[in-house]
Protein backbone atom coordinates (compact mmCIF):
# COMPACT_ATOMS: atom_id res chain seq x y z
CA MET A 1 -2.01 -5.19 -66.34
CA ALA A 2 0.97 -7.36 -65.37
CA LYS A 3 0.97 -8.86 -61.90
CA LYS A 4 3.85 -7.79 -59.69
CA PRO A 5 5.98 -10.65 -58.37
CA ASP A 6 5.43 -11.72 -54.76
CA LEU A 7 8.51 -11.04 -52.66
CA LEU A 8 9.72 -12.90 -49.64
CA PRO A 9 9.94 -10.87 -46.42
CA GLY A 10 13.35 -9.23 -46.15
CA THR A 11 13.94 -9.06 -49.90
CA LEU A 12 14.00 -5.26 -49.98
CA ASP A 13 16.39 -5.12 -47.01
CA MET A 14 18.69 -7.61 -48.72
CA LEU A 15 18.64 -5.62 -51.97
CA ILE A 16 19.43 -2.37 -50.14
CA LEU A 17 22.32 -3.98 -48.31
CA LYS A 18 23.56 -5.47 -51.58
CA THR A 19 23.51 -2.08 -53.34
CA LEU A 20 25.45 -0.56 -50.45
CA THR A 21 28.19 -3.18 -50.74
CA ARG A 22 29.01 -1.52 -54.06
CA ALA A 23 28.98 2.15 -53.05
CA THR A 24 27.63 4.81 -50.72
CA ALA A 25 24.55 6.39 -52.23
CA ALA A 26 21.79 8.88 -51.64
CA TRP A 27 18.55 7.07 -50.89
CA LEU A 28 16.82 8.00 -54.15
CA ARG A 29 19.70 6.46 -56.06
CA HIS A 30 18.89 3.14 -54.40
CA CYS A 31 15.68 2.91 -56.40
CA ALA A 32 17.58 2.82 -59.69
CA SER A 33 20.25 0.50 -58.28
CA ILE A 34 17.68 -2.02 -57.05
CA LYS A 35 15.92 -1.95 -60.40
CA ARG A 36 19.23 -2.73 -62.15
CA LEU A 37 20.23 -5.35 -59.56
CA SER A 38 16.89 -7.14 -60.04
CA ASP A 39 17.25 -7.09 -63.85
CA ASP A 40 14.42 -4.51 -64.13
CA VAL A 41 11.94 -6.77 -62.31
CA LEU A 42 11.57 -4.68 -59.15
CA THR A 43 10.61 -1.03 -58.98
CA VAL A 44 10.97 0.41 -55.50
CA GLU A 45 8.86 3.41 -54.64
CA GLU A 46 10.00 6.13 -52.27
CA GLY A 47 7.27 5.12 -49.81
CA SER A 48 8.82 1.65 -49.46
CA LEU A 49 12.49 2.52 -49.62
CA TYR A 50 12.64 5.17 -46.91
CA PRO A 51 11.02 3.02 -44.16
CA ALA A 52 13.32 0.13 -45.09
CA LEU A 53 16.39 2.40 -44.82
CA GLN A 54 15.15 3.66 -41.45
CA ARG A 55 14.72 0.07 -40.26
CA LEU A 56 18.29 -0.75 -41.34
CA LEU A 57 19.54 2.37 -39.53
CA LEU A 58 17.84 1.29 -36.30
CA GLN A 59 19.37 -2.19 -36.61
CA GLY A 60 22.82 -0.63 -37.00
CA TRP A 61 23.38 -2.14 -40.45
CA VAL A 62 23.70 1.22 -42.21
CA LYS A 63 24.74 4.71 -41.18
CA ALA A 64 23.52 7.95 -42.70
CA GLU A 65 25.14 11.30 -43.31
CA TRP A 66 23.83 14.52 -44.84
CA LYS A 67 25.92 15.67 -47.84
CA MET A 68 25.58 17.76 -50.97
CA THR A 69 24.83 16.00 -54.27
CA GLU A 70 26.46 16.73 -57.64
CA THR A 71 23.53 19.07 -58.34
CA ASN A 72 24.23 20.99 -55.12
CA ARG A 73 21.21 19.64 -53.23
CA ARG A 74 21.30 18.36 -49.68
CA ALA A 75 20.65 14.60 -49.47
CA ARG A 76 21.08 11.80 -46.99
CA PHE A 77 23.77 9.33 -48.01
CA TYR A 78 23.82 5.80 -46.64
CA THR A 79 26.85 3.62 -45.96
CA LEU A 80 27.03 -0.02 -44.96
CA THR A 81 28.43 -0.68 -41.47
CA ALA A 82 30.59 -3.71 -40.60
CA ALA A 83 27.49 -5.35 -39.07
CA GLY A 84 25.52 -4.58 -42.23
CA ARG A 85 28.23 -6.04 -44.44
CA LYS A 86 28.27 -9.24 -42.37
CA ASN A 87 24.47 -9.44 -42.46
CA SER A 88 24.40 -8.74 -46.20
CA ASP A 89 26.80 -11.60 -46.86
CA SER A 90 24.77 -14.05 -44.75
CA LYS A 91 21.42 -12.95 -46.24
CA TYR A 92 22.82 -13.30 -49.76
CA ARG A 93 24.21 -16.77 -49.08
CA ASN A 94 20.90 -17.89 -47.54
CA SER A 95 18.90 -16.55 -50.51
CA ASN A 96 20.95 -18.63 -52.94
CA ARG A 97 20.08 -21.92 -51.25
């Protein structure tokens, strides 16, 4: 069984913010986006993603809105706020040092 890579604290938050810089998305779509963004290294489970999105909501970095999906299901869509965009840029710059 392959060992999962150890992640630095805040990595998931940074990846969520990075996916939201590209587009608004329903929270389950973030799982696939993060997997692609990490070159298939990270798999984010629903039990990890939802608390991280809630944390970002409380910090004011994302906002959420209930909408209908293409399959006519009700889902919560997340959008990056101005504060979230600023934080995403600074987190990304710091991670590349």
